[in-house]
Amino acid sequence: MHPFIQILLIALAIKCALSCQGGQVLSREVSPEEQQLILDVHNRYRQAIALGKIRGQPTGSNMIEMSWDDELANMAQQWADNCVFRHDTNIRRTSRRFPVGQNLAISWSSPTPNKYGEAAEWAAQIRNWFNEVYTSGNDIKKSGHYTQVVWGDSYLVGCGYTYYKDPRKNGYVKLYVCNYGPAGNVIGEPPYIEGTPGCDRSDLKPSSSYLGLCDFVDY
């Protein structure tokens, strides 16, 4: 290995370790397979809402299929690398394109987990966010994770992940961060437009992958 590259890798490792609030990073980042699963799970839930398959929730119109966004993912990973379970500031999440929303999740275990970073764990965390619909409905103060997942105009998502040993808790922590754009949970606005599933906006067309969802028209 070239000496310069080796020095650069060491520097990056030190930076990552120092940013983790005294914790020891064991694994980080989201694999391509996990990226696809994150998209699939989000879009399946959005599809279920649009088609009226969730008890107590009306059908939705003009709900856009989500796509992966590298800028949002990079911001999410940078925040996850801090190993802090709280939302970052809006300034840290600023994109030139739009305001950015955020969902967080964390899990902790005393023994070393046998496996970590698996796609199944991402599916479980997103399911927990969505399941707020069954306990809190559309009350954003109590179900902000759910409403962000199904926010009709949020069409981009990017996530980060850090698995680390926390000496303060004598255990192992997995931190999940997802950023969304444009941000949902806008005060005074509903999560999505109620109505017959369809795409009646001039810039939208039916999704080719998810019945009931929309995609942008190619110009």
Protein backbone atom coordinates (compact mmCIF):
# COMPACT_ATOMS: atom_id res chain seq x y z
CA MET A 1 0.00 0.00 0.00
CA HIS A 2 1.24 3.48 -0.86
CA PRO A 3 2.47 5.30 2.30
CA PHE A 4 0.22 8.30 1.62
CA ILE A 5 -2.88 6.11 1.32
CA GLN A 6 -1.95 4.26 4.49
CA ILE A 7 -1.56 7.53 6.40
CA LEU A 8 -4.88 8.77 5.06
CA LEU A 9 -6.70 5.61 6.17
CA ILE A 10 -5.16 5.84 9.63
CA ALA A 11 -6.19 9.47 9.90
CA LEU A 12 -9.75 8.64 8.90
CA ALA A 13 -9.89 5.83 11.44
CA ILE A 14 -8.63 8.12 14.20
CA LYS A 15 -11.12 10.82 13.24
CA CYS A 16 -13.97 8.32 13.33
CA ALA A 17 -12.90 6.92 16.71
CA LEU A 18 -12.52 10.38 18.24
CA SER A 19 -15.91 11.51 16.98
CA CYS A 20 -17.69 8.61 18.68
CA GLN A 21 -17.88 10.27 22.11
CA GLY A 22 -15.36 7.88 23.63
CA GLY A 23 -16.93 4.76 22.14
CA GLN A 24 -15.19 2.13 20.03
CA VAL A 25 -16.65 1.90 16.52
CA LEU A 26 -17.04 -1.72 15.40
CA SER A 27 -19.02 -1.25 12.20
CA ARG A 28 -20.49 1.64 10.25
CA GLU A 29 -22.21 2.68 7.01
CA VAL A 30 -25.09 1.19 5.05
CA SER A 31 -24.38 -1.48 2.45
CA PRO A 32 -25.92 -1.35 -1.06
CA GLU A 33 -28.16 -4.27 -0.13
CA GLU A 34 -29.36 -2.43 2.96
CA GLN A 35 -29.96 0.71 0.92
CA GLN A 36 -32.30 -1.20 -1.36
CA LEU A 37 -34.11 -2.81 1.55
CA ILE A 38 -34.57 0.57 3.25
CA LEU A 39 -36.17 1.87 0.06
CA ASP A 40 -38.36 -1.21 -0.36
CA VAL A 41 -39.64 -1.10 3.22
CA HIS A 42 -40.41 2.62 3.07
CA ASN A 43 -42.20 2.27 -0.26
CA ARG A 44 -44.21 -0.76 0.81
CA TYR A 45 -45.53 1.16 3.81
CA ARG A 46 -46.25 4.20 1.66
CA GLN A 47 -48.04 1.97 -0.83
CA ALA A 48 -50.13 0.43 1.94
CA ILE A 49 -51.20 3.90 3.06
CA ALA A 50 -51.97 5.09 -0.47
CA LEU A 51 -54.13 2.04 -1.17
CA GLY A 52 -56.01 2.30 2.13
CA LYS A 53 -54.71 -0.97 3.56
CA ILE A 54 -53.92 0.44 7.01
CA ARG A 55 -56.79 0.43 9.46
CA GLY A 56 -58.03 3.89 10.33
CA GLN A 57 -55.98 5.65 7.67
CA PRO A 58 -57.55 7.16 4.53
CA THR A 59 -56.30 6.43 1.03
CA GLY A 60 -53.71 8.81 -0.37
CA SER A 61 -53.29 10.66 -3.65
CA ASN A 62 -50.05 11.85 -5.27
CA MET A 63 -47.86 9.91 -2.81
CA ILE A 64 -44.39 9.80 -4.33
CA GLU A 65 -42.16 6.72 -4.48
CA MET A 66 -38.99 7.23 -2.44
CA SER A 67 -35.49 7.06 -3.94
CA TRP A 68 -32.07 6.88 -2.31
CA ASP A 69 -30.10 10.11 -1.99
CA ASP A 70 -26.34 10.11 -1.38
CA GLU A 71 -26.20 13.62 0.08
CA LEU A 72 -28.81 12.76 2.70
CA ALA A 73 -27.02 9.48 3.43
CA ASN A 74 -23.66 11.20 3.89
CA MET A 75 -25.17 13.68 6.33
CA ALA A 76 -26.87 10.85 8.21
CA GLN A 77 -23.63 8.86 8.43
CA GLN A 78 -21.67 11.86 9.67
CA TRP A 79 -24.19 12.31 12.46
CA ALA A 80 -24.33 8.59 13.30
CA ASP A 81 -20.53 8.60 13.62
CA ASN A 82 -20.89 10.90 16.64
CA CYS A 83 -22.61 8.08 18.55
CA VAL A 84 -25.15 10.45 20.08
CA PHE A 85 -28.82 9.52 20.27
CA ARG A 86 -30.43 12.85 19.57
CA HIS A 87 -31.38 14.83 16.50
CA ASP A 88 -28.72 17.01 14.99
CA THR A 89 -29.46 20.67 14.40
CA ASN A 90 -31.22 21.92 11.30
CA ILE A 91 -28.01 23.73 10.35
CA ARG A 92 -26.12 20.42 10.21
CA ARG A 93 -28.86 18.94 8.06
CA THR A 94 -29.13 21.82 5.62
CA SER A 95 -29.32 20.97 1.94
CA ARG A 96 -29.38 23.59 -0.78
CA ARG A 97 -32.31 21.77 -2.31
CA PHE A 98 -34.80 21.58 0.56
CA PRO A 99 -35.31 21.31 4.35
CA VAL A 100 -34.31 17.88 5.69
CA GLY A 101 -36.28 15.69 8.11
CA GLN A 102 -34.80 12.98 10.31
CA ASN A 103 -35.75 9.73 12.06
CA LEU A 104 -33.55 8.06 14.69
CA ALA A 105 -33.49 4.64 16.33
CA ILE A 106 -31.17 2.94 18.81
CA SER A 107 -30.71 -0.52 20.27
CA TRP A 108 -28.48 -1.68 23.12
CA SER A 109 -27.24 -5.05 24.32
CA SER A 110 -24.95 -6.18 27.10
CA PRO A 111 -23.34 -9.22 25.43
CA THR A 112 -21.68 -8.86 22.06
CA PRO A 113 -24.34 -9.45 19.36
CA ASN A 114 -23.63 -12.41 17.11
CA LYS A 115 -24.43 -10.39 14.00
CA TYR A 116 -24.86 -6.72 13.30
CA GLY A 117 -25.71 -4.39 10.49
CA GLU A 118 -28.05 -6.84 8.83
CA ALA A 119 -30.82 -5.67 6.56
CA ALA A 120 -33.38 -7.36 8.81
CA GLU A 121 -32.49 -4.98 11.63
CA TRP A 122 -33.14 -2.00 9.38
CA ALA A 123 -36.54 -3.45 8.48
CA ALA A 124 -37.35 -3.83 12.18
CA GLN A 125 -36.42 -0.24 12.99
CA ILE A 126 -38.48 1.18 10.12
CA ARG A 127 -41.38 -1.03 11.21
CA ASN A 128 -41.15 0.45 14.70
CA TRP A 129 -41.36 3.95 13.23
CA PHE A 130 -44.36 3.03 11.11
CA ASN A 131 -46.16 1.24 13.95
CA GLU A 132 -46.68 4.56 15.72
CA VAL A 133 -49.76 4.80 13.48
CA TYR A 134 -51.47 2.17 15.63
CA THR A 135 -50.83 4.00 18.90
CA SER A 136 -50.84 7.68 18.00
CA GLY A 137 -52.60 8.16 14.67
CA ASN A 138 -51.67 11.40 12.94
CA ASP A 139 -50.67 13.30 16.09
CA ILE A 140 -47.24 14.54 14.95
CA LYS A 141 -46.18 15.14 18.55
CA LYS A 142 -46.59 11.43 19.25
CA SER A 143 -46.09 9.86 15.84
CA GLY A 144 -43.48 11.98 14.10
CA HIS A 145 -41.50 8.93 12.96
CA TYR A 146 -44.57 7.44 11.28
CA THR A 147 -45.69 10.66 9.63
CA GLN A 148 -42.19 11.24 8.24
CA VAL A 149 -42.12 7.75 6.72
CA VAL A 150 -45.43 8.33 4.91
CA TRP A 151 -45.12 12.06 4.23
CA GLY A 152 -46.43 12.30 0.70
CA ASP A 153 -44.01 14.91 -0.63
CA SER A 154 -40.87 13.39 0.94
CA TYR A 155 -39.42 11.46 -1.98
CA LEU A 156 -35.74 11.10 -1.05
CA VAL A 157 -34.15 9.19 1.83
CA GLY A 158 -30.57 8.51 2.90
CA CYS A 159 -29.48 6.68 6.03
CA GLY A 160 -26.42 6.09 8.20
CA TYR A 161 -25.50 3.46 10.79
CA THR A 162 -22.91 3.04 13.51
CA TYR A 163 -22.35 0.03 15.76
CA TYR A 164 -20.07 0.75 18.69
CA LYS A 165 -19.01 -0.32 22.16
CA ASP A 166 -20.01 2.20 24.83
CA PRO A 167 -17.73 1.93 27.88
CA ARG A 168 -20.05 4.16 29.90
CA LYS A 169 -22.86 1.61 29.62
CA ASN A 170 -20.61 -1.45 29.39
CA GLY A 171 -22.55 -2.56 26.35
CA TYR A 172 -22.94 -2.42 22.60
CA VAL A 173 -25.02 0.16 20.79
CA LYS A 174 -26.47 0.30 17.27
CA LEU A 175 -27.48 3.77 16.10
CA TYR A 176 -29.68 4.27 13.04
CA VAL A 177 -30.20 7.64 11.32
CA CYS A 178 -32.38 8.37 8.29
CA ASN A 179 -32.66 11.78 6.63
CA TYR A 180 -35.57 12.73 4.40
CA GLY A 181 -36.08 15.38 1.75
CA PRO A 182 -38.03 17.48 1.43
CA ALA A 183 -38.70 17.31 5.17
CA GLY A 184 -42.04 16.10 6.46
CA ASN A 185 -43.83 16.97 9.70
CA VAL A 186 -44.55 20.51 8.55
CA ILE A 187 -46.72 22.20 11.16
CA GLY A 188 -50.25 22.76 9.94
CA GLU A 189 -50.01 20.35 7.01
CA PRO A 190 -51.39 16.79 6.76
CA PRO A 191 -48.94 13.93 6.11
CA TYR A 192 -50.41 13.31 2.67
CA ILE A 193 -53.32 14.28 0.43
CA GLU A 194 -56.38 12.18 1.12
CA GLY A 195 -58.11 10.85 -1.97
CA THR A 196 -58.26 8.16 -4.59
CA PRO A 197 -54.80 6.66 -5.25
CA GLY A 198 -53.46 8.27 -8.38
CA CYS A 199 -51.13 10.88 -9.82
CA ASP A 200 -53.04 13.91 -11.06
CA ARG A 201 -50.21 16.42 -10.81
CA SER A 202 -48.69 17.39 -14.15
CA ASP A 203 -45.17 16.48 -12.97
CA LEU A 204 -46.14 13.00 -11.74
CA LYS A 205 -46.85 9.65 -13.36
CA PRO A 206 -47.77 6.24 -11.88
CA SER A 207 -44.83 4.35 -10.39
CA SER A 208 -43.72 1.36 -12.42
CA SER A 209 -42.75 -0.50 -9.24
CA TYR A 210 -45.43 0.26 -6.65
CA LEU A 211 -49.13 0.37 -7.43
CA GLY A 212 -50.67 3.47 -5.89
CA LEU A 213 -47.42 5.46 -5.73
CA CYS A 214 -46.17 8.12 -8.14
CA ASP A 215 -42.89 8.91 -9.85
CA PHE A 216 -41.69 12.07 -11.53
CA VAL A 217 -42.30 12.61 -15.23
CA ASP A 218 -39.15 12.50 -17.35
CA TYR A 219 -38.70 15.73 -19.26
